C-alpha atoms as a PDB file:
ATOM      1  CA  MET A   1    -107.725 -28.072 144.520  1.00  0.00           C
ATOM      2  CA  CYS A   2    -107.312 -27.654 140.788  1.00  0.00           C
ATOM      3  CA  LYS A   3    -106.933 -24.340 138.953  1.00  0.00           C
ATOM      4  CA  LEU A   4    -110.672 -24.258 138.185  1.00  0.00           C
ATOM      5  CA  CYS A   5    -111.535 -24.675 141.856  1.00  0.00           C
ATOM      6  CA  ASP A   6    -109.010 -21.983 142.785  1.00  0.00           C
ATOM      7  CA  ALA A   7    -110.634 -19.611 140.271  1.00  0.00           C
ATOM      8  CA  GLU A   8    -114.141 -20.376 141.594  1.00  0.00           C
ATOM      9  CA  CYS A   9    -112.972 -19.681 145.147  1.00  0.00           C
ATOM     10  CA  ALA A  10    -111.475 -16.366 144.069  1.00  0.00           C
ATOM     11  CA  LEU A  11    -114.754 -15.340 142.433  1.00  0.00           C
ATOM     12  CA  THR A  12    -116.946 -16.354 145.372  1.00  0.00           C
ATOM     13  CA  GLY A  13    -114.660 -15.061 148.136  1.00  0.00           C
ATOM     14  CA  GLU A  14    -114.075 -18.527 149.567  1.00  0.00           C
ATOM     15  CA  MET A  15    -110.723 -18.800 151.315  1.00  0.00           C
ATOM     16  CA  GLU A  16    -110.655 -22.575 151.445  1.00  0.00           C
ATOM     17  CA  ARG A  17    -113.024 -25.241 150.133  1.00  0.00           C
ATOM     18  CA  VAL A  18    -113.428 -29.017 150.327  1.00  0.00           C
ATOM     19  CA  VAL A  19    -115.907 -30.823 148.059  1.00  0.00           C
ATOM     20  CA  LEU A  20    -117.140 -34.271 149.039  1.00  0.00           C
ATOM     21  CA  GLU A  21    -119.352 -36.700 147.124  1.00  0.00           C
ATOM     22  CA  ASN A  22    -121.329 -39.754 148.176  1.00  0.00           C
ATOM     23  CA  THR A  23    -122.284 -42.327 145.550  1.00  0.00           C
ATOM     24  CA  GLU A  24    -122.554 -45.338 147.875  1.00  0.00           C
ATOM     25  CA  ASN A  25    -125.768 -47.372 148.093  1.00  0.00           C
ATOM     26  CA  GLY A  26    -127.544 -45.430 145.361  1.00  0.00           C
ATOM     27  CA  HIS A  27    -126.712 -41.992 146.761  1.00  0.00           C
ATOM     28  CA  HIS A  28    -125.824 -39.193 144.349  1.00  0.00           C
ATOM     29  CA  LYS A  29    -125.077 -36.205 146.565  1.00  0.00           C
ATOM     30  CA  GLN A  30    -122.382 -33.634 147.193  1.00  0.00           C
ATOM     31  CA  TYR A  31    -121.365 -31.676 150.267  1.00  0.00           C
ATOM     32  CA  THR A  32    -119.163 -28.608 150.079  1.00  0.00           C
ATOM     33  CA  VAL A  33    -117.693 -26.904 153.115  1.00  0.00           C
ATOM     34  CA  PHE A  34    -115.821 -23.627 152.842  1.00  0.00           C
ATOM     35  CA  VAL A  35    -114.363 -20.705 154.781  1.00  0.00           C
ATOM     36  CA  GLU A  36    -115.234 -17.088 154.088  1.00  0.00           C
ATOM     37  CA  GLN A  37    -114.216 -13.908 155.843  1.00  0.00           C
ATOM     38  CA  ALA A  38    -116.929 -12.328 157.989  1.00  0.00           C
ATOM     39  CA  GLY A  39    -115.604  -9.001 159.245  1.00  0.00           C
ATOM     40  CA  ASP A  40    -112.795  -9.774 161.680  1.00  0.00           C
ATOM     41  CA  ALA A  41    -113.778 -13.457 161.894  1.00  0.00           C
ATOM     42  CA  PHE A  42    -113.972 -16.476 159.594  1.00  0.00           C
ATOM     43  CA  ARG A  43    -117.265 -18.244 158.874  1.00  0.00           C
ATOM     44  CA  VAL A  44    -117.513 -21.939 157.967  1.00  0.00           C
ATOM     45  CA  VAL A  45    -120.423 -22.780 155.670  1.00  0.00           C
ATOM     46  CA  GLY A  46    -121.737 -26.124 154.439  1.00  0.00           C
ATOM     47  CA  ARG A  47    -123.727 -26.530 151.202  1.00  0.00           C
ATOM     48  CA  TRP A  48    -125.277 -29.703 149.858  1.00  0.00           C
ATOM     49  CA  GLY A  49    -127.431 -31.124 147.097  1.00  0.00           C
ATOM     50  CA  PRO A  50    -127.376 -33.568 144.178  1.00  0.00           C
ATOM     51  CA  ILE A  51    -124.056 -34.069 142.357  1.00  0.00           C
ATOM     52  CA  GLY A  52    -123.814 -31.870 139.272  1.00  0.00           C
ATOM     53  CA  ASP A  53    -126.766 -29.709 140.254  1.00  0.00           C
ATOM     54  CA  LYS A  54    -127.066 -26.506 142.226  1.00  0.00           C
ATOM     55  CA  TRP A  55    -126.730 -26.803 145.968  1.00  0.00           C
ATOM     56  CA  THR A  56    -130.189 -27.071 147.449  1.00  0.00           C
ATOM     57  CA  LYS A  57    -129.354 -26.164 151.027  1.00  0.00           C
ATOM     58  CA  SER A  58    -126.696 -24.316 153.010  1.00  0.00           C
ATOM     59  CA  GLN A  59    -126.019 -23.699 156.657  1.00  0.00           C
ATOM     60  CA  ASN A  60    -123.524 -21.766 158.747  1.00  0.00           C
ATOM     61  CA  LYS A  61    -121.447 -24.360 160.566  1.00  0.00           C
ATOM     62  CA  GLY A  62    -119.358 -22.137 162.805  1.00  0.00           C
ATOM     63  CA  LEU A  63    -117.421 -18.947 163.323  1.00  0.00           C
ATOM     64  CA  SER A  64    -113.798 -18.595 164.388  1.00  0.00           C
ATOM     65  CA  GLY A  65    -111.568 -15.661 165.241  1.00  0.00           C
ATOM     66  CA  SER A  66    -108.691 -17.189 163.253  1.00  0.00           C
ATOM     67  CA  LEU A  67    -108.253 -18.847 159.873  1.00  0.00           C
ATOM     68  CA  SER A  68    -106.546 -21.831 161.510  1.00  0.00           C
ATOM     69  CA  GLY A  69    -109.525 -22.261 163.842  1.00  0.00           C
ATOM     70  CA  ALA A  70    -111.912 -22.150 160.880  1.00  0.00           C
ATOM     71  CA  ARG A  71    -109.783 -24.733 159.067  1.00  0.00           C
ATOM     72  CA  GLY A  72    -110.081 -26.970 162.124  1.00  0.00           C
ATOM     73  CA  LEU A  73    -113.890 -26.704 161.915  1.00  0.00           C
ATOM     74  CA  VAL A  74    -113.742 -27.574 158.199  1.00  0.00           C
ATOM     75  CA  TYR A  75    -111.676 -30.682 158.772  1.00  0.00           C
ATOM     76  CA  ASP A  76    -113.869 -31.814 161.679  1.00  0.00           C
ATOM     77  CA  LEU A  77    -116.865 -31.648 159.315  1.00  0.00           C
ATOM     78  CA  VAL A  78    -114.918 -33.436 156.569  1.00  0.00           C
ATOM     79  CA  ARG A  79    -113.989 -36.295 158.926  1.00  0.00           C
ATOM     80  CA  LYS A  80    -117.639 -36.693 159.971  1.00  0.00           C
ATOM     81  CA  LYS A  81    -118.816 -36.782 156.353  1.00  0.00           C
ATOM     82  CA  GLU A  82    -116.080 -39.249 155.386  1.00  0.00           C
ATOM     83  CA  GLY A  83    -117.344 -41.474 158.189  1.00  0.00           C
ATOM     84  CA  ARG A  84    -120.741 -41.451 156.447  1.00  0.00           C
ATOM     85  CA  GLY A  85    -119.390 -42.609 153.096  1.00  0.00           C
ATOM     86  CA  TYR A  86    -118.445 -39.289 151.473  1.00  0.00           C
ATOM     87  CA  LYS A  87    -115.168 -39.090 149.551  1.00  0.00           C
ATOM     88  CA  ARG A  88    -113.216 -36.036 148.441  1.00  0.00           C
ATOM     89  CA  ARG A  89    -113.989 -35.042 144.876  1.00  0.00           C
ATOM     90  CA  VAL A  90    -111.073 -35.558 142.524  1.00  0.00           C
ATOM     91  CA  CYS A  91    -110.734 -32.629 140.154  1.00  0.00           C
ATOM     92  CA  PRO A  92    -110.341 -33.427 136.438  1.00  0.00           C
END
């Protein structure tokens, strides 16, 4: 992530974040998955919507007792989205 993304994560309490975009076949959408602390556990959340706009939807994707377990959930989701044409956003 770039410095701007790091700053956004610090402000929102996100511990780790991956932003994906899909512009194939006329699509113009983004999917963000991130980890946040939830008491003694770590919650994985997905958000999505049009690129450059506010996220229109979000959903809890899983809960793990460890940060490494939550990271595993994040990267499982990322692999699935990449299989559907999403690519990691390249920060400016």
